[in-house]
N, C-alpha and C. Protein backbone atom coordinates (compact mmCIF):
# COMPACT_ATOMS: atom_id res chain seq x y z
N MET A 1 -33.84 19.73 12.65
CA MET A 1 -34.80 20.81 12.57
C MET A 1 -36.10 20.22 12.05
N GLY A 2 -37.19 20.74 12.63
CA GLY A 2 -38.46 20.15 12.26
C GLY A 2 -39.56 21.18 12.18
N ILE A 3 -40.79 20.78 11.74
CA ILE A 3 -41.92 21.71 11.70
C ILE A 3 -43.14 20.90 12.23
N SER A 4 -44.07 21.67 12.79
CA SER A 4 -45.23 21.04 13.39
C SER A 4 -46.44 21.31 12.28
N LEU A 5 -47.12 20.22 11.91
CA LEU A 5 -48.20 20.31 10.94
C LEU A 5 -49.47 19.88 11.53
N ALA A 6 -50.61 20.52 11.19
CA ALA A 6 -51.91 20.18 11.67
C ALA A 6 -52.57 19.26 10.58
N GLU A 7 -53.12 18.13 11.06
CA GLU A 7 -53.76 17.24 10.15
C GLU A 7 -55.10 16.78 10.76
N THR A 8 -56.01 16.29 9.93
CA THR A 8 -57.30 15.80 10.41
C THR A 8 -57.26 14.26 10.43
N ASP A 9 -57.52 13.67 11.64
CA ASP A 9 -57.46 12.22 11.70
C ASP A 9 -58.72 11.58 11.26
N GLN A 10 -58.94 10.27 11.41
CA GLN A 10 -60.14 9.59 10.88
C GLN A 10 -61.38 9.94 11.73
N SER A 11 -61.26 10.45 12.87
CA SER A 11 -62.36 10.91 13.69
C SER A 11 -62.82 12.33 13.41
N GLY A 12 -62.05 12.99 12.59
CA GLY A 12 -62.40 14.37 12.20
C GLY A 12 -61.75 15.41 13.17
N ASN A 13 -60.87 14.89 14.00
CA ASN A 13 -60.25 15.78 14.99
C ASN A 13 -58.90 16.32 14.36
N ARG A 14 -58.54 17.55 14.69
CA ARG A 14 -57.33 18.18 14.26
C ARG A 14 -56.19 17.72 15.20
N VAL A 15 -55.15 17.16 14.69
CA VAL A 15 -53.98 16.76 15.47
C VAL A 15 -52.71 17.34 14.80
N ARG A 16 -51.76 17.54 15.70
CA ARG A 16 -50.52 18.13 15.20
C ARG A 16 -49.47 16.99 15.11
N ARG A 17 -48.76 17.00 14.03
CA ARG A 17 -47.66 15.99 13.80
C ARG A 17 -46.33 16.73 13.48
N ASN A 18 -45.25 16.14 13.95
CA ASN A 18 -43.95 16.76 13.66
C ASN A 18 -43.32 16.20 12.40
N ARG A 19 -42.77 16.99 11.65
CA ARG A 19 -42.09 16.54 10.38
C ARG A 19 -40.63 17.09 10.40
N VAL A 20 -39.68 16.19 10.24
CA VAL A 20 -38.28 16.60 10.17
C VAL A 20 -37.99 17.16 8.80
N ILE A 21 -37.40 18.39 8.77
CA ILE A 21 -37.06 19.05 7.50
C ILE A 21 -35.62 18.70 7.10
N GLY A 22 -34.68 18.74 7.99
CA GLY A 22 -33.32 18.40 7.70
C GLY A 22 -32.41 18.73 8.88
N THR A 23 -31.13 18.79 8.62
CA THR A 23 -30.18 19.06 9.67
C THR A 23 -29.63 20.38 9.56
N LEU A 24 -28.90 20.89 10.52
CA LEU A 24 -28.31 22.20 10.55
C LEU A 24 -27.19 22.27 9.47
N GLU A 25 -26.58 21.20 9.14
CA GLU A 25 -25.65 21.11 8.12
C GLU A 25 -26.28 21.38 6.73
N GLU A 26 -27.50 20.90 6.54
CA GLU A 26 -28.17 21.02 5.23
C GLU A 26 -28.72 22.45 5.13
N TYR A 27 -29.18 23.07 6.27
CA TYR A 27 -29.75 24.32 6.29
C TYR A 27 -29.11 25.22 7.36
N PRO A 28 -27.93 25.73 7.08
CA PRO A 28 -27.10 26.42 8.10
C PRO A 28 -27.64 27.79 8.47
N THR A 29 -28.55 28.40 7.57
CA THR A 29 -29.08 29.75 7.85
C THR A 29 -30.58 29.70 8.00
N GLU A 30 -31.10 30.74 8.61
CA GLU A 30 -32.58 30.77 8.78
C GLU A 30 -33.25 30.94 7.46
N GLU A 31 -32.64 31.67 6.52
CA GLU A 31 -33.19 31.89 5.23
C GLU A 31 -33.41 30.57 4.47
N LEU A 32 -32.34 29.67 4.53
CA LEU A 32 -32.49 28.36 3.85
C LEU A 32 -33.53 27.49 4.54
N ALA A 33 -33.55 27.55 5.88
CA ALA A 33 -34.52 26.81 6.57
C ALA A 33 -35.96 27.24 6.25
N GLN A 34 -36.18 28.56 6.23
CA GLN A 34 -37.56 29.01 5.90
C GLN A 34 -37.99 28.69 4.49
N ALA A 35 -37.01 28.71 3.57
CA ALA A 35 -37.29 28.26 2.19
C ALA A 35 -37.69 26.81 2.12
N ALA A 36 -37.01 26.01 2.94
CA ALA A 36 -37.30 24.54 2.99
C ALA A 36 -38.73 24.29 3.62
N ILE A 37 -39.01 25.01 4.63
CA ILE A 37 -40.32 24.94 5.31
C ILE A 37 -41.41 25.33 4.36
N ASN A 38 -41.21 26.49 3.64
CA ASN A 38 -42.23 26.95 2.73
C ASN A 38 -42.36 26.02 1.54
N GLY A 39 -41.28 25.41 1.18
CA GLY A 39 -41.36 24.40 0.07
C GLY A 39 -42.28 23.28 0.45
N LEU A 40 -42.04 22.81 1.71
CA LEU A 40 -42.83 21.67 2.18
C LEU A 40 -44.30 22.05 2.32
N ARG A 41 -44.53 23.31 2.82
CA ARG A 41 -45.95 23.79 2.94
C ARG A 41 -46.62 23.86 1.57
N THR A 42 -45.88 24.31 0.58
CA THR A 42 -46.39 24.36 -0.81
C THR A 42 -46.67 23.01 -1.31
N CYS A 43 -45.84 22.03 -1.01
CA CYS A 43 -46.10 20.59 -1.38
C CYS A 43 -47.41 20.18 -0.81
N ILE A 44 -47.63 20.44 0.50
CA ILE A 44 -48.85 20.00 1.16
C ILE A 44 -50.09 20.62 0.53
N ASN A 45 -49.93 21.85 0.04
CA ASN A 45 -51.03 22.55 -0.52
C ASN A 45 -51.16 22.46 -2.07
N GLU A 46 -50.56 21.40 -2.65
CA GLU A 46 -50.51 21.31 -4.08
C GLU A 46 -51.96 21.25 -4.68
N GLU A 47 -52.88 20.56 -4.08
CA GLU A 47 -54.20 20.48 -4.60
C GLU A 47 -54.89 21.79 -4.56
N ARG A 48 -54.77 22.50 -3.53
CA ARG A 48 -55.37 23.85 -3.42
C ARG A 48 -54.77 24.86 -4.41
N ASN A 49 -53.46 24.69 -4.73
CA ASN A 49 -52.78 25.58 -5.63
C ASN A 49 -53.30 25.42 -7.05
N ARG A 50 -54.02 24.31 -7.31
CA ARG A 50 -54.57 24.09 -8.63
C ARG A 50 -55.86 24.89 -8.95
N GLN A 51 -56.37 25.48 -7.92
CA GLN A 51 -57.57 26.32 -8.04
C GLN A 51 -57.24 27.67 -8.58
N SER A 52 -57.81 28.08 -9.71
CA SER A 52 -57.42 29.29 -10.34
C SER A 52 -57.52 30.53 -9.53
N GLN A 53 -58.44 30.56 -8.53
CA GLN A 53 -58.58 31.72 -7.69
C GLN A 53 -57.63 31.75 -6.54
N GLN A 54 -56.84 30.69 -6.35
CA GLN A 54 -55.86 30.56 -5.28
C GLN A 54 -54.59 31.24 -5.74
N PRO A 55 -54.09 32.31 -5.14
CA PRO A 55 -52.87 32.91 -5.53
C PRO A 55 -51.63 32.05 -5.17
N VAL A 56 -50.72 31.93 -6.12
CA VAL A 56 -49.47 31.16 -5.93
C VAL A 56 -48.36 32.18 -6.30
N PHE A 57 -47.59 32.57 -5.34
CA PHE A 57 -46.55 33.54 -5.56
C PHE A 57 -45.30 32.92 -6.14
N VAL A 58 -44.52 33.66 -6.88
CA VAL A 58 -43.34 33.19 -7.48
C VAL A 58 -42.37 32.62 -6.34
N SER A 59 -42.37 33.27 -5.18
CA SER A 59 -41.54 32.77 -4.04
C SER A 59 -41.95 31.36 -3.66
N ASP A 60 -43.29 31.10 -3.68
CA ASP A 60 -43.80 29.75 -3.34
C ASP A 60 -43.40 28.77 -4.34
N LEU A 61 -43.47 29.19 -5.65
CA LEU A 61 -42.98 28.26 -6.71
C LEU A 61 -41.53 27.96 -6.63
N ILE A 62 -40.75 28.95 -6.31
CA ILE A 62 -39.29 28.74 -6.14
C ILE A 62 -39.00 27.76 -5.08
N ASP A 63 -39.66 27.96 -3.89
CA ASP A 63 -39.43 27.07 -2.74
C ASP A 63 -39.85 25.64 -3.09
N HIS A 64 -40.96 25.49 -3.78
CA HIS A 64 -41.43 24.17 -4.15
C HIS A 64 -40.40 23.53 -5.13
N TYR A 65 -39.93 24.31 -6.00
CA TYR A 65 -38.97 23.80 -6.97
C TYR A 65 -37.65 23.36 -6.32
N LEU A 66 -37.23 24.20 -5.29
CA LEU A 66 -36.05 23.88 -4.58
C LEU A 66 -36.17 22.57 -3.76
N GLN A 67 -37.37 22.39 -3.18
CA GLN A 67 -37.67 21.25 -2.34
C GLN A 67 -37.79 19.99 -3.18
N THR A 68 -38.34 20.04 -4.41
CA THR A 68 -38.61 18.83 -5.18
C THR A 68 -37.56 18.58 -6.25
N GLU A 69 -36.89 19.55 -6.70
CA GLU A 69 -36.00 19.37 -7.79
C GLU A 69 -34.47 19.63 -7.60
N LEU A 70 -34.20 20.45 -6.58
CA LEU A 70 -32.78 20.92 -6.39
C LEU A 70 -32.18 20.45 -5.09
N THR A 71 -32.78 19.49 -4.39
CA THR A 71 -32.15 18.91 -3.21
C THR A 71 -31.05 18.04 -3.55
N GLU A 72 -30.15 17.64 -2.60
CA GLU A 72 -29.05 16.76 -2.90
C GLU A 72 -29.62 15.38 -3.27
N GLN A 73 -30.86 15.05 -2.70
CA GLN A 73 -31.40 13.73 -2.96
C GLN A 73 -31.98 13.61 -4.38
N ALA A 74 -32.40 14.73 -5.01
CA ALA A 74 -32.92 14.71 -6.34
C ALA A 74 -31.83 14.51 -7.34
N ASP A 75 -32.04 13.78 -8.39
CA ASP A 75 -31.03 13.48 -9.34
C ASP A 75 -31.28 13.93 -10.75
N TRP A 76 -32.14 14.97 -10.82
CA TRP A 76 -32.58 15.42 -12.12
C TRP A 76 -31.46 16.38 -12.68
N HIS A 77 -30.67 16.97 -11.87
CA HIS A 77 -29.65 17.88 -12.33
C HIS A 77 -28.25 17.59 -11.75
N ALA A 78 -27.19 17.93 -12.45
CA ALA A 78 -25.86 17.70 -11.97
C ALA A 78 -25.63 18.68 -10.78
N HIS A 79 -24.65 18.36 -9.99
CA HIS A 79 -24.37 19.23 -8.76
C HIS A 79 -24.12 20.66 -9.15
N ALA A 80 -23.29 20.83 -10.17
CA ALA A 80 -22.91 22.20 -10.60
C ALA A 80 -24.18 22.96 -11.09
N THR A 81 -25.06 22.28 -11.76
CA THR A 81 -26.31 22.94 -12.20
C THR A 81 -27.17 23.35 -11.07
N ARG A 82 -27.29 22.51 -9.97
CA ARG A 82 -28.07 22.81 -8.82
C ARG A 82 -27.55 24.01 -8.11
N ILE A 83 -26.25 24.14 -8.05
CA ILE A 83 -25.66 25.28 -7.41
C ILE A 83 -25.91 26.58 -8.16
N VAL A 84 -25.75 26.52 -9.47
CA VAL A 84 -26.03 27.75 -10.31
C VAL A 84 -27.47 28.12 -10.26
N TYR A 85 -28.38 27.14 -10.38
CA TYR A 85 -29.81 27.44 -10.28
C TYR A 85 -30.18 28.14 -8.96
N ARG A 86 -29.65 27.56 -7.91
CA ARG A 86 -29.99 28.18 -6.59
C ARG A 86 -29.47 29.63 -6.49
N LEU A 87 -28.24 29.82 -7.03
CA LEU A 87 -27.69 31.20 -7.01
C LEU A 87 -28.53 32.14 -7.77
N PHE A 88 -28.90 31.77 -9.07
CA PHE A 88 -29.71 32.68 -9.80
C PHE A 88 -31.04 32.95 -9.24
N LEU A 89 -31.66 31.95 -8.71
CA LEU A 89 -32.99 32.17 -8.00
C LEU A 89 -32.89 33.07 -6.83
N LYS A 90 -31.82 32.96 -6.03
CA LYS A 90 -31.68 33.74 -4.89
C LYS A 90 -31.30 35.16 -5.23
N GLN A 91 -30.36 35.31 -6.17
CA GLN A 91 -29.78 36.61 -6.46
C GLN A 91 -30.60 37.45 -7.40
N TRP A 92 -31.31 36.85 -8.33
CA TRP A 92 -31.99 37.58 -9.37
C TRP A 92 -33.52 37.44 -9.41
N VAL A 93 -33.98 36.20 -9.39
CA VAL A 93 -35.40 35.95 -9.61
C VAL A 93 -36.24 36.28 -8.38
N ARG A 94 -35.86 35.77 -7.21
CA ARG A 94 -36.71 35.91 -6.01
C ARG A 94 -36.84 37.38 -5.54
N PRO A 95 -35.74 38.19 -5.54
CA PRO A 95 -35.87 39.55 -5.08
C PRO A 95 -36.81 40.40 -5.88
N TYR A 96 -36.94 40.22 -7.14
CA TYR A 96 -37.79 41.04 -7.98
C TYR A 96 -39.17 40.41 -8.15
N TRP A 97 -39.25 39.11 -8.40
CA TRP A 97 -40.57 38.49 -8.78
C TRP A 97 -41.21 37.71 -7.65
N GLY A 98 -40.50 37.60 -6.49
CA GLY A 98 -40.98 36.72 -5.38
C GLY A 98 -42.45 37.03 -4.96
N SER A 99 -42.79 38.26 -4.86
CA SER A 99 -44.15 38.66 -4.35
C SER A 99 -45.19 38.78 -5.47
N THR A 100 -44.87 38.29 -6.64
CA THR A 100 -45.78 38.36 -7.78
C THR A 100 -46.52 37.02 -7.96
N ASN A 101 -47.84 37.20 -8.11
CA ASN A 101 -48.66 35.91 -8.45
C ASN A 101 -48.11 35.38 -9.75
N ILE A 102 -47.91 34.03 -9.81
CA ILE A 102 -47.41 33.47 -11.07
C ILE A 102 -48.32 33.68 -12.22
N ARG A 103 -49.60 33.92 -11.97
CA ARG A 103 -50.54 34.15 -13.08
C ARG A 103 -50.50 35.56 -13.54
N ASP A 104 -49.75 36.41 -12.89
CA ASP A 104 -49.64 37.85 -13.24
C ASP A 104 -48.32 38.18 -13.95
N VAL A 105 -47.44 37.21 -14.08
CA VAL A 105 -46.13 37.43 -14.77
C VAL A 105 -46.39 37.61 -16.29
N ARG A 106 -45.87 38.61 -16.85
CA ARG A 106 -46.05 38.84 -18.29
C ARG A 106 -44.77 38.88 -19.04
N THR A 107 -44.83 38.42 -20.36
CA THR A 107 -43.68 38.25 -21.19
C THR A 107 -42.91 39.53 -21.36
N ILE A 108 -43.56 40.62 -21.75
CA ILE A 108 -42.83 41.93 -21.94
C ILE A 108 -42.20 42.45 -20.67
N ALA A 109 -42.95 42.26 -19.55
CA ALA A 109 -42.39 42.68 -18.28
C ALA A 109 -41.07 41.97 -17.98
N VAL A 110 -41.00 40.67 -18.29
CA VAL A 110 -39.78 39.91 -18.01
C VAL A 110 -38.66 40.36 -18.96
N GLU A 111 -39.02 40.65 -20.22
CA GLU A 111 -38.02 41.12 -21.23
C GLU A 111 -37.43 42.45 -20.66
N SER A 112 -38.29 43.36 -20.24
CA SER A 112 -37.84 44.67 -19.73
C SER A 112 -36.94 44.51 -18.56
N TRP A 113 -37.24 43.57 -17.66
CA TRP A 113 -36.51 43.33 -16.45
C TRP A 113 -35.11 42.79 -16.81
N LEU A 114 -35.03 41.94 -17.71
CA LEU A 114 -33.76 41.36 -18.16
C LEU A 114 -32.84 42.40 -18.72
N LYS A 115 -33.36 43.37 -19.40
CA LYS A 115 -32.60 44.44 -20.07
C LYS A 115 -31.88 45.34 -19.02
N GLN A 116 -32.56 45.48 -17.86
CA GLN A 116 -31.91 46.48 -16.92
C GLN A 116 -31.13 45.75 -15.84
N LEU A 117 -30.87 44.45 -15.91
CA LEU A 117 -30.09 43.80 -14.86
C LEU A 117 -28.63 44.21 -14.99
N ARG A 118 -28.06 44.55 -13.72
CA ARG A 118 -26.77 44.94 -13.64
C ARG A 118 -25.92 44.17 -12.59
N ARG A 119 -24.62 44.09 -12.82
CA ARG A 119 -23.75 43.49 -11.85
C ARG A 119 -23.53 44.48 -10.65
N LYS A 120 -22.80 44.03 -9.71
CA LYS A 120 -22.61 44.85 -8.48
C LYS A 120 -21.84 46.12 -8.89
N ASP A 121 -20.94 45.96 -9.89
CA ASP A 121 -20.08 47.15 -10.29
C ASP A 121 -20.80 48.12 -11.21
N GLY A 122 -22.07 47.81 -11.44
CA GLY A 122 -22.91 48.72 -12.29
C GLY A 122 -22.95 48.41 -13.76
N GLU A 123 -22.05 47.50 -14.21
CA GLU A 123 -22.08 47.10 -15.64
C GLU A 123 -23.24 46.22 -15.94
N ALA A 124 -23.73 46.34 -17.22
CA ALA A 124 -24.85 45.47 -17.62
C ALA A 124 -24.46 44.00 -17.51
N LEU A 125 -25.29 43.20 -17.10
CA LEU A 125 -25.13 41.77 -16.96
C LEU A 125 -24.91 41.21 -18.39
N ALA A 126 -23.99 40.27 -18.51
CA ALA A 126 -23.63 39.67 -19.84
C ALA A 126 -24.95 39.04 -20.45
N ASN A 127 -25.06 39.14 -21.76
CA ASN A 127 -26.18 38.53 -22.42
C ASN A 127 -26.33 37.04 -22.18
N SER A 128 -25.20 36.35 -22.15
CA SER A 128 -25.20 34.90 -21.90
C SER A 128 -25.80 34.61 -20.48
N THR A 129 -25.48 35.42 -19.49
CA THR A 129 -25.99 35.27 -18.16
C THR A 129 -27.50 35.53 -18.13
N LYS A 130 -27.91 36.65 -18.86
CA LYS A 130 -29.35 36.93 -18.94
C LYS A 130 -30.11 35.79 -19.59
N ALA A 131 -29.51 35.19 -20.60
CA ALA A 131 -30.11 34.11 -21.28
C ALA A 131 -30.35 32.87 -20.32
N LYS A 132 -29.36 32.68 -19.48
CA LYS A 132 -29.43 31.59 -18.54
C LYS A 132 -30.54 31.79 -17.55
N ILE A 133 -30.63 33.04 -17.05
CA ILE A 133 -31.71 33.41 -16.15
C ILE A 133 -33.12 33.25 -16.81
N ARG A 134 -33.17 33.71 -18.07
CA ARG A 134 -34.39 33.54 -18.85
C ARG A 134 -34.76 32.06 -18.91
N ASN A 135 -33.83 31.28 -19.28
CA ASN A 135 -34.08 29.80 -19.43
C ASN A 135 -34.47 29.15 -18.10
N LEU A 136 -33.86 29.65 -17.04
CA LEU A 136 -34.23 29.07 -15.72
C LEU A 136 -35.61 29.44 -15.36
N MET A 137 -36.02 30.70 -15.67
CA MET A 137 -37.41 31.11 -15.41
C MET A 137 -38.39 30.28 -16.19
N SER A 138 -38.02 29.92 -17.42
CA SER A 138 -38.92 29.10 -18.24
C SER A 138 -39.05 27.73 -17.57
N VAL A 139 -37.98 27.16 -17.14
CA VAL A 139 -37.98 25.84 -16.42
C VAL A 139 -38.88 25.95 -15.22
N LEU A 140 -38.83 27.07 -14.48
CA LEU A 140 -39.56 27.29 -13.24
C LEU A 140 -41.06 27.27 -13.56
N PHE A 141 -41.49 28.00 -14.62
CA PHE A 141 -42.91 28.05 -14.99
C PHE A 141 -43.42 26.77 -15.59
N ASN A 142 -42.49 26.03 -16.26
CA ASN A 142 -42.90 24.73 -16.70
C ASN A 142 -43.12 23.74 -15.52
N HIS A 143 -42.40 24.04 -14.43
CA HIS A 143 -42.62 23.28 -13.22
C HIS A 143 -44.06 23.52 -12.68
N ALA A 144 -44.44 24.74 -12.73
CA ALA A 144 -45.83 25.12 -12.32
C ALA A 144 -46.87 24.43 -13.18
N ILE A 145 -46.64 24.44 -14.52
CA ILE A 145 -47.56 23.74 -15.41
C ILE A 145 -47.60 22.27 -15.13
N ARG A 146 -46.48 21.70 -14.85
CA ARG A 146 -46.36 20.25 -14.58
C ARG A 146 -47.22 19.89 -13.36
N TYR A 147 -47.20 20.80 -12.40
CA TYR A 147 -48.04 20.50 -11.15
C TYR A 147 -49.53 21.05 -11.31
N GLU A 148 -49.80 21.56 -12.52
CA GLU A 148 -51.19 22.04 -12.86
C GLU A 148 -51.56 23.26 -12.04
N TRP A 149 -50.57 24.14 -11.71
CA TRP A 149 -50.88 25.42 -11.07
C TRP A 149 -51.11 26.47 -12.15
N LEU A 150 -50.63 26.19 -13.37
CA LEU A 150 -50.88 26.94 -14.58
C LEU A 150 -51.46 26.03 -15.69
N GLU A 151 -52.24 26.59 -16.62
CA GLU A 151 -52.76 25.79 -17.64
C GLU A 151 -51.65 25.50 -18.68
N GLN A 152 -51.79 24.42 -19.43
CA GLN A 152 -50.93 24.08 -20.52
C GLN A 152 -50.81 25.24 -21.49
N GLY A 153 -49.60 25.54 -21.94
CA GLY A 153 -49.42 26.67 -22.83
C GLY A 153 -49.36 28.03 -22.22
N ARG A 154 -49.39 28.09 -20.84
CA ARG A 154 -49.42 29.37 -20.14
C ARG A 154 -48.03 29.81 -19.64
N ASN A 155 -46.98 29.24 -20.18
CA ASN A 155 -45.62 29.65 -19.75
C ASN A 155 -45.36 31.09 -20.28
N PRO A 156 -45.34 32.10 -19.48
CA PRO A 156 -45.09 33.49 -19.95
C PRO A 156 -43.70 33.76 -20.40
N ILE A 157 -42.78 32.82 -20.18
CA ILE A 157 -41.34 33.01 -20.48
C ILE A 157 -41.07 32.47 -21.93
N LYS A 158 -42.00 31.72 -22.43
CA LYS A 158 -41.75 31.02 -23.71
C LYS A 158 -41.39 31.99 -24.84
N LEU A 159 -42.03 33.11 -24.83
CA LEU A 159 -41.81 34.11 -25.95
C LEU A 159 -40.92 35.22 -25.55
N VAL A 160 -40.29 35.17 -24.40
CA VAL A 160 -39.32 36.20 -23.95
C VAL A 160 -38.08 36.16 -24.83
N ARG A 161 -37.75 37.30 -25.45
CA ARG A 161 -36.58 37.34 -26.30
C ARG A 161 -35.41 37.84 -25.47
N GLN A 162 -34.28 37.12 -25.65
CA GLN A 162 -33.05 37.51 -25.03
C GLN A 162 -31.84 37.07 -25.85
N SER A 163 -31.11 38.05 -26.26
CA SER A 163 -29.88 37.79 -27.12
C SER A 163 -28.82 37.06 -26.31
N THR A 164 -28.09 36.22 -27.02
CA THR A 164 -26.87 35.57 -26.39
C THR A 164 -25.61 36.05 -26.95
N LEU A 165 -25.67 37.14 -27.79
CA LEU A 165 -24.46 37.64 -28.42
C LEU A 165 -23.64 38.33 -27.33
N ARG A 166 -22.26 38.16 -27.52
CA ARG A 166 -21.33 38.83 -26.57
C ARG A 166 -21.42 40.41 -26.76
N GLN A 167 -21.34 41.10 -25.69
CA GLN A 167 -21.38 42.56 -25.74
C GLN A 167 -20.00 43.15 -25.96
N ARG A 168 -18.94 42.32 -25.74
CA ARG A 168 -17.53 42.77 -25.98
C ARG A 168 -16.70 41.57 -26.22
N ILE A 169 -15.63 41.76 -26.88
CA ILE A 169 -14.70 40.66 -27.15
C ILE A 169 -13.83 40.40 -25.93
N PRO A 170 -13.76 39.14 -25.47
CA PRO A 170 -13.03 38.84 -24.20
C PRO A 170 -11.56 39.09 -24.42
N THR A 171 -10.88 39.45 -23.39
CA THR A 171 -9.37 39.60 -23.40
C THR A 171 -8.68 38.25 -23.27
N VAL A 172 -7.81 37.91 -24.17
CA VAL A 172 -7.11 36.66 -24.19
C VAL A 172 -5.67 36.96 -23.82
N LEU A 173 -5.20 36.33 -22.74
CA LEU A 173 -3.81 36.54 -22.32
C LEU A 173 -2.82 35.67 -23.11
N GLU A 174 -1.72 36.27 -23.47
CA GLU A 174 -0.62 35.53 -24.08
C GLU A 174 0.14 34.72 -22.99
N PRO A 175 0.86 33.69 -23.40
CA PRO A 175 1.52 32.86 -22.33
C PRO A 175 2.40 33.62 -21.39
N ASP A 176 3.14 34.62 -21.96
CA ASP A 176 4.02 35.41 -21.09
C ASP A 176 3.21 36.29 -20.09
N GLU A 177 2.07 36.79 -20.58
CA GLU A 177 1.23 37.61 -19.74
C GLU A 177 0.62 36.76 -18.60
N LEU A 178 0.26 35.50 -18.93
CA LEU A 178 -0.29 34.66 -17.94
C LEU A 178 0.70 34.27 -16.89
N GLN A 179 1.99 34.06 -17.28
CA GLN A 179 3.08 33.69 -16.43
C GLN A 179 3.30 34.87 -15.48
N SER A 180 3.23 36.13 -16.01
CA SER A 180 3.46 37.30 -15.14
C SER A 180 2.37 37.41 -14.10
N LEU A 181 1.08 37.15 -14.52
CA LEU A 181 -0.04 37.19 -13.60
C LEU A 181 0.11 36.15 -12.45
N LEU A 182 0.44 34.91 -12.86
CA LEU A 182 0.57 33.87 -11.85
C LEU A 182 1.67 34.17 -10.88
N SER A 183 2.77 34.83 -11.34
CA SER A 183 3.91 35.12 -10.45
C SER A 183 3.52 36.11 -9.41
N GLU A 184 2.44 36.87 -9.60
CA GLU A 184 2.03 37.90 -8.66
C GLU A 184 1.00 37.41 -7.68
N LEU A 185 0.54 36.18 -7.91
CA LEU A 185 -0.57 35.64 -7.04
C LEU A 185 -0.05 34.67 -6.03
N ARG A 186 -0.76 34.51 -4.94
CA ARG A 186 -0.40 33.52 -3.95
C ARG A 186 -1.59 32.56 -3.78
N ALA A 187 -1.33 31.43 -3.05
CA ALA A 187 -2.42 30.40 -2.82
C ALA A 187 -3.50 31.06 -1.95
N PRO A 188 -4.77 30.79 -2.18
CA PRO A 188 -5.26 29.77 -3.20
C PRO A 188 -5.54 30.44 -4.56
N HIS A 189 -5.45 31.79 -4.67
CA HIS A 189 -5.88 32.43 -5.87
C HIS A 189 -4.99 32.03 -7.07
N ARG A 190 -3.70 31.72 -6.83
CA ARG A 190 -2.88 31.31 -7.94
C ARG A 190 -3.36 29.96 -8.48
N GLN A 191 -3.71 29.04 -7.63
CA GLN A 191 -4.22 27.69 -8.04
C GLN A 191 -5.57 27.88 -8.71
N MET A 192 -6.39 28.84 -8.27
CA MET A 192 -7.74 29.04 -8.88
C MET A 192 -7.60 29.44 -10.28
N ILE A 193 -6.70 30.44 -10.57
CA ILE A 193 -6.50 30.87 -11.93
C ILE A 193 -5.84 29.85 -12.79
N LEU A 194 -4.90 29.10 -12.21
CA LEU A 194 -4.28 28.00 -12.94
C LEU A 194 -5.35 26.88 -13.35
N LEU A 195 -6.24 26.60 -12.43
CA LEU A 195 -7.26 25.61 -12.66
C LEU A 195 -8.17 26.08 -13.79
N ASP A 196 -8.56 27.32 -13.76
CA ASP A 196 -9.39 27.97 -14.79
C ASP A 196 -8.78 27.88 -16.15
N VAL A 197 -7.47 28.29 -16.25
CA VAL A 197 -6.83 28.34 -17.46
C VAL A 197 -6.62 26.94 -18.11
N THR A 198 -6.28 25.98 -17.28
CA THR A 198 -6.00 24.60 -17.81
C THR A 198 -7.25 23.83 -18.11
N THR A 199 -8.36 24.16 -17.51
CA THR A 199 -9.57 23.39 -17.70
C THR A 199 -10.59 24.10 -18.56
N GLY A 200 -10.55 25.37 -18.66
CA GLY A 200 -11.51 26.15 -19.41
C GLY A 200 -12.87 26.33 -18.70
N LEU A 201 -12.85 26.21 -17.39
CA LEU A 201 -14.16 26.34 -16.59
C LEU A 201 -14.71 27.72 -16.76
N ARG A 202 -16.10 27.72 -16.99
CA ARG A 202 -16.77 28.98 -17.05
C ARG A 202 -16.92 29.56 -15.58
N ARG A 203 -17.19 30.88 -15.57
CA ARG A 203 -17.34 31.58 -14.26
C ARG A 203 -18.33 30.89 -13.41
N SER A 204 -19.52 30.56 -13.93
CA SER A 204 -20.60 29.91 -13.09
C SER A 204 -20.10 28.54 -12.64
N GLU A 205 -19.31 27.88 -13.36
CA GLU A 205 -18.80 26.60 -12.93
C GLU A 205 -17.79 26.69 -11.87
N LEU A 206 -16.98 27.78 -11.96
CA LEU A 206 -15.99 28.03 -10.84
C LEU A 206 -16.76 28.29 -9.54
N PHE A 207 -17.83 29.13 -9.65
CA PHE A 207 -18.70 29.42 -8.48
C PHE A 207 -19.21 28.15 -7.88
N ALA A 208 -19.62 27.23 -8.76
CA ALA A 208 -20.26 26.00 -8.27
C ALA A 208 -19.27 25.00 -7.73
N LEU A 209 -18.03 25.08 -8.04
CA LEU A 209 -17.06 24.15 -7.63
C LEU A 209 -16.96 24.06 -6.12
N LYS A 210 -16.88 22.85 -5.58
CA LYS A 210 -16.66 22.66 -4.13
C LYS A 210 -15.18 22.80 -3.92
N TRP A 211 -14.76 23.98 -3.49
CA TRP A 211 -13.33 24.24 -3.29
C TRP A 211 -12.68 23.42 -2.14
N SER A 212 -13.62 22.93 -1.27
CA SER A 212 -13.12 22.08 -0.16
C SER A 212 -12.69 20.76 -0.69
N ASP A 213 -13.10 20.37 -1.94
CA ASP A 213 -12.67 19.10 -2.48
C ASP A 213 -11.32 19.27 -3.35
N VAL A 214 -10.88 20.51 -3.49
CA VAL A 214 -9.69 20.76 -4.29
C VAL A 214 -8.52 20.73 -3.33
N ASP A 215 -7.49 19.92 -3.58
CA ASP A 215 -6.34 19.83 -2.78
C ASP A 215 -5.26 20.84 -3.20
N PHE A 216 -5.29 22.01 -2.50
CA PHE A 216 -4.26 22.98 -2.89
C PHE A 216 -2.93 22.72 -2.16
N PRO A 217 -1.86 22.79 -2.79
CA PRO A 217 -0.62 22.61 -2.09
C PRO A 217 -0.25 23.77 -1.25
N THR A 218 0.39 23.51 -0.08
CA THR A 218 0.63 24.61 0.80
C THR A 218 2.11 25.06 0.63
C-alpha cells in the first residue's frame, strides 16, 4: 500500500513521488490505513504545524503519535502498552476529541468528560481506567509540545484531576468456587480464565495478549 506525494524539485517544478506506507498485513482495514496515511501527512507538515494560526486537530496528533511512537518498529513502549494505547485512543479519545483543535482543549472540559465515561453495559468506567486514559492524553499532549505544536507548559491535561480509588470491592473467588467455574467452561475460555488466575494478568493485559501465541490444548 502506498501514497502519492507532491514535492518541489530543484528546478521549482512540482513532481509526484510514491511512498510505501506498509503492507495489508500491517493495515488490514481502511481505517488503519487512513490513520497511517494521515500520520505520514502530519509528519510532512511538522514545520507548518508549529505556526500558532495553523489548526492541528486531536485526530492529527493521534495519527502522528501512532506513526512515530506506536508502530512495531518503534521501541519506546512494550508491545502490551502499544496495544492498550491504540485501544484507548480508538475507543475513547478519538471519537470525542478528534475534531477539536489541540489548542482548544481545556482542563475542566476533560475532567467533565472523564466523569461521564461509561462502559457498553451502561456502568461507569472504573476510576483506574479513567486514570489511564487521562495519563495517555497527557502523554499525547506532551508529544505535541515535544514537536513544538504547543508551547512549553501548555499541556491542558497536567492539572486534570482523576481519582484512582476503586468504586467497589472486587469479588474474590474461593478455590472451590473457582473449580466449579472452570468445570463449566470449555476451551479456549477455560484456559483464558486459568491463565488469568495463575498469572494475575489485568484486564487490559489480557486484551493486549497475542492469543495466537498461546498454545491451547485441544
